[in-house]
Amino acid sequence: MKKEFNFPESWSTEKLSVLCDKPTYGYTASASKNGNVKLLRITDIEAHKVDWDSVPLCDIDASKFDQFRLHEMILFCTNWND
């Protein structure tokens, strides 16, 4: 069953396979006050914006950094119910 959503008129929808070649799972780490990269979490997004000054840090091994670098898109999956 296809679910219908009420998106703003300025938005469009598309299948994920059209938007990216190879979706991959992101990086899981504990948030910290110390680290070498920002760790964006769902809770860091408020009113469709990110206050990057409040986003915590985490450590990613330098050999894996390019693998998890943000390129174009972030998708958050949650257990969402109506």
N, C-alpha and C. Protein backbone atom coordinates (compact mmCIF):
# COMPACT_ATOMS: atom_id res chain seq x y z
N MET A 1 0.84 -1.18 0.00
CA MET A 1 0.00 0.00 0.00
C MET A 1 0.89 1.24 0.00
N LYS A 2 0.64 2.14 -0.91
CA LYS A 2 1.41 3.38 -1.02
C LYS A 2 0.82 4.43 -0.07
N LYS A 3 1.68 5.07 0.70
CA LYS A 3 1.25 6.10 1.64
C LYS A 3 1.35 7.47 0.98
N GLU A 4 0.37 8.27 1.15
CA GLU A 4 0.38 9.64 0.61
C GLU A 4 0.79 10.61 1.71
N PHE A 5 1.59 11.59 1.35
CA PHE A 5 2.05 12.61 2.28
C PHE A 5 1.67 13.98 1.76
N ASN A 6 1.51 14.91 2.66
CA ASN A 6 1.19 16.28 2.29
C ASN A 6 2.46 17.13 2.34
N PHE A 7 3.24 17.08 1.26
CA PHE A 7 4.45 17.88 1.17
C PHE A 7 4.12 19.28 0.69
N PRO A 8 4.96 20.26 1.02
CA PRO A 8 4.76 21.60 0.47
C PRO A 8 4.77 21.55 -1.06
N GLU A 9 4.04 22.42 -1.70
CA GLU A 9 3.94 22.43 -3.16
C GLU A 9 5.28 22.63 -3.85
N SER A 10 6.21 23.31 -3.18
CA SER A 10 7.52 23.57 -3.77
C SER A 10 8.42 22.33 -3.78
N TRP A 11 8.03 21.26 -3.08
CA TRP A 11 8.82 20.02 -3.02
C TRP A 11 8.42 19.10 -4.16
N SER A 12 9.33 18.22 -4.51
CA SER A 12 9.02 17.15 -5.45
C SER A 12 9.46 15.83 -4.84
N THR A 13 8.95 14.74 -5.35
CA THR A 13 9.33 13.42 -4.85
C THR A 13 9.98 12.62 -5.96
N GLU A 14 10.87 11.73 -5.56
CA GLU A 14 11.56 10.88 -6.53
C GLU A 14 12.02 9.63 -5.81
N LYS A 15 12.17 8.55 -6.53
CA LYS A 15 12.71 7.33 -5.95
C LYS A 15 14.17 7.55 -5.59
N LEU A 16 14.59 6.97 -4.47
CA LEU A 16 15.96 7.12 -4.02
C LEU A 16 16.95 6.61 -5.07
N SER A 17 16.60 5.56 -5.78
CA SER A 17 17.49 4.99 -6.80
C SER A 17 17.75 5.96 -7.95
N VAL A 18 16.89 6.94 -8.13
CA VAL A 18 17.09 7.95 -9.18
C VAL A 18 18.05 9.04 -8.67
N LEU A 19 18.05 9.27 -7.37
CA LEU A 19 18.84 10.36 -6.80
C LEU A 19 20.27 9.99 -6.45
N CYS A 20 20.53 8.71 -6.22
CA CYS A 20 21.90 8.31 -5.89
C CYS A 20 22.19 6.91 -6.44
N ASP A 21 23.45 6.69 -6.75
CA ASP A 21 23.87 5.43 -7.34
C ASP A 21 23.95 4.30 -6.33
N LYS A 22 24.52 4.61 -5.16
CA LYS A 22 24.79 3.55 -4.20
C LYS A 22 24.58 4.07 -2.78
N PRO A 23 23.34 4.01 -2.27
CA PRO A 23 23.13 4.45 -0.89
C PRO A 23 23.91 3.57 0.08
N THR A 24 24.48 4.16 1.09
CA THR A 24 25.24 3.41 2.08
C THR A 24 24.81 3.80 3.48
N TYR A 25 25.03 2.91 4.40
CA TYR A 25 24.73 3.18 5.80
C TYR A 25 25.77 4.14 6.34
N GLY A 26 25.36 5.01 7.22
CA GLY A 26 26.27 6.01 7.76
C GLY A 26 27.18 5.50 8.85
N TYR A 27 27.61 6.38 9.69
CA TYR A 27 28.58 6.08 10.74
C TYR A 27 27.88 6.14 12.09
N THR A 28 28.15 5.18 12.94
CA THR A 28 27.57 5.15 14.28
C THR A 28 28.68 5.39 15.29
N ALA A 29 28.47 6.38 16.14
CA ALA A 29 29.46 6.70 17.17
C ALA A 29 28.76 7.40 18.31
N SER A 30 29.43 7.49 19.42
CA SER A 30 28.91 8.24 20.56
C SER A 30 29.28 9.71 20.39
N ALA A 31 28.33 10.59 20.72
CA ALA A 31 28.59 12.02 20.68
C ALA A 31 29.55 12.40 21.79
N SER A 32 30.38 13.40 21.51
CA SER A 32 31.39 13.81 22.47
C SER A 32 31.67 15.30 22.33
N LYS A 33 32.28 15.87 23.35
CA LYS A 33 32.74 17.26 23.24
C LYS A 33 34.07 17.33 22.52
N ASN A 34 34.73 16.19 22.36
CA ASN A 34 36.02 16.11 21.68
C ASN A 34 35.91 15.17 20.49
N GLY A 35 36.64 15.47 19.44
CA GLY A 35 36.64 14.60 18.28
C GLY A 35 37.17 15.33 17.07
N ASN A 36 37.14 14.63 15.92
CA ASN A 36 37.69 15.24 14.71
C ASN A 36 36.64 15.58 13.65
N VAL A 37 35.38 15.20 13.87
CA VAL A 37 34.30 15.56 12.93
C VAL A 37 33.00 15.78 13.69
N LYS A 38 32.08 16.53 13.06
CA LYS A 38 30.75 16.74 13.63
C LYS A 38 29.91 15.48 13.44
N LEU A 39 29.06 15.17 14.41
CA LEU A 39 28.18 14.01 14.38
C LEU A 39 26.73 14.50 14.33
N LEU A 40 26.20 14.65 13.12
CA LEU A 40 24.84 15.15 12.95
C LEU A 40 23.84 14.08 13.35
N ARG A 41 22.91 14.44 14.25
CA ARG A 41 21.87 13.53 14.72
C ARG A 41 20.51 14.12 14.38
N ILE A 42 19.49 13.31 14.40
CA ILE A 42 18.13 13.77 14.13
C ILE A 42 17.78 14.93 15.06
N THR A 43 18.17 14.82 16.31
CA THR A 43 17.83 15.85 17.29
C THR A 43 18.53 17.18 17.05
N ASP A 44 19.52 17.20 16.17
CA ASP A 44 20.23 18.44 15.84
C ASP A 44 19.50 19.26 14.78
N ILE A 45 18.43 18.71 14.23
CA ILE A 45 17.67 19.41 13.19
C ILE A 45 16.39 19.94 13.82
N GLU A 46 16.25 21.25 13.84
CA GLU A 46 15.06 21.89 14.40
C GLU A 46 14.58 22.96 13.43
N ALA A 47 13.29 22.96 13.18
CA ALA A 47 12.68 23.93 12.28
C ALA A 47 13.39 23.94 10.92
N HIS A 48 13.73 22.74 10.44
CA HIS A 48 14.36 22.57 9.13
C HIS A 48 15.76 23.18 9.04
N LYS A 49 16.41 23.39 10.18
CA LYS A 49 17.75 23.99 10.19
C LYS A 49 18.66 23.24 11.15
N VAL A 50 19.95 23.39 10.94
CA VAL A 50 20.96 22.81 11.82
C VAL A 50 21.79 23.93 12.42
N ASP A 51 21.88 23.98 13.73
CA ASP A 51 22.78 24.90 14.42
C ASP A 51 24.10 24.17 14.59
N TRP A 52 25.00 24.31 13.62
CA TRP A 52 26.23 23.54 13.60
C TRP A 52 27.11 23.80 14.82
N ASP A 53 26.94 24.95 15.47
CA ASP A 53 27.73 25.23 16.67
C ASP A 53 27.35 24.31 17.83
N SER A 54 26.13 23.77 17.82
CA SER A 54 25.69 22.89 18.91
C SER A 54 25.82 21.40 18.57
N VAL A 55 26.20 21.07 17.35
CA VAL A 55 26.34 19.66 16.95
C VAL A 55 27.60 19.09 17.61
N PRO A 56 27.47 17.94 18.29
CA PRO A 56 28.63 17.37 18.97
C PRO A 56 29.65 16.77 18.00
N LEU A 57 30.72 16.32 18.55
CA LEU A 57 31.81 15.74 17.77
C LEU A 57 31.86 14.22 17.98
N CYS A 58 32.64 13.57 17.14
CA CYS A 58 32.99 12.16 17.33
C CYS A 58 34.33 11.94 16.65
N ASP A 59 34.94 10.80 16.92
CA ASP A 59 36.20 10.46 16.27
C ASP A 59 35.96 9.46 15.16
N ILE A 60 36.47 9.77 13.98
CA ILE A 60 36.45 8.83 12.86
C ILE A 60 37.90 8.61 12.45
N ASP A 61 38.31 7.36 12.35
CA ASP A 61 39.65 7.02 11.91
C ASP A 61 39.91 7.67 10.56
N ALA A 62 41.06 8.28 10.40
CA ALA A 62 41.39 9.00 9.18
C ALA A 62 41.27 8.14 7.93
N SER A 63 41.51 6.84 8.05
CA SER A 63 41.41 5.95 6.89
C SER A 63 39.97 5.75 6.43
N LYS A 64 38.99 6.07 7.29
CA LYS A 64 37.58 5.91 6.94
C LYS A 64 36.88 7.24 6.65
N PHE A 65 37.60 8.33 6.80
CA PHE A 65 36.97 9.64 6.70
C PHE A 65 36.30 9.87 5.34
N ASP A 66 36.99 9.59 4.26
CA ASP A 66 36.41 9.81 2.93
C ASP A 66 35.17 8.95 2.69
N GLN A 67 35.14 7.77 3.28
CA GLN A 67 33.99 6.87 3.12
C GLN A 67 32.72 7.49 3.70
N PHE A 68 32.86 8.27 4.76
CA PHE A 68 31.69 8.83 5.43
C PHE A 68 31.54 10.34 5.24
N ARG A 69 32.29 10.91 4.34
CA ARG A 69 32.18 12.35 4.05
C ARG A 69 30.81 12.64 3.45
N LEU A 70 30.18 13.72 3.89
CA LEU A 70 28.89 14.11 3.35
C LEU A 70 29.06 14.66 1.95
N HIS A 71 28.31 14.12 1.02
CA HIS A 71 28.40 14.57 -0.36
C HIS A 71 27.17 15.36 -0.77
N GLU A 72 26.02 14.76 -0.78
CA GLU A 72 24.85 15.44 -1.32
C GLU A 72 23.59 15.33 -0.47
N MET A 73 23.45 14.28 0.29
CA MET A 73 22.15 14.00 0.87
C MET A 73 22.30 13.28 2.21
N ILE A 74 21.38 13.59 3.11
CA ILE A 74 21.30 12.89 4.39
C ILE A 74 19.88 12.37 4.52
N LEU A 75 19.74 11.11 4.84
CA LEU A 75 18.43 10.53 5.11
C LEU A 75 18.45 9.95 6.51
N PHE A 76 17.44 10.28 7.28
CA PHE A 76 17.29 9.69 8.60
C PHE A 76 16.11 8.74 8.56
N CYS A 77 16.30 7.54 9.03
CA CYS A 77 15.21 6.56 9.10
C CYS A 77 14.87 6.34 10.55
N THR A 78 13.61 6.43 10.85
CA THR A 78 13.15 6.21 12.22
C THR A 78 11.94 5.30 12.20
N ASN A 79 11.54 4.84 13.35
CA ASN A 79 10.31 4.07 13.47
C ASN A 79 9.16 5.06 13.56
N TRP A 80 8.66 5.48 12.42
CA TRP A 80 7.65 6.52 12.35
C TRP A 80 6.26 5.90 12.24
N ASN A 81 5.34 6.42 13.00
CA ASN A 81 3.94 5.98 12.94
C ASN A 81 3.03 7.16 12.79
N ASP A 82 1.89 6.94 12.18
CA ASP A 82 0.89 8.02 12.03
C ASP A 82 0.39 8.47 13.37
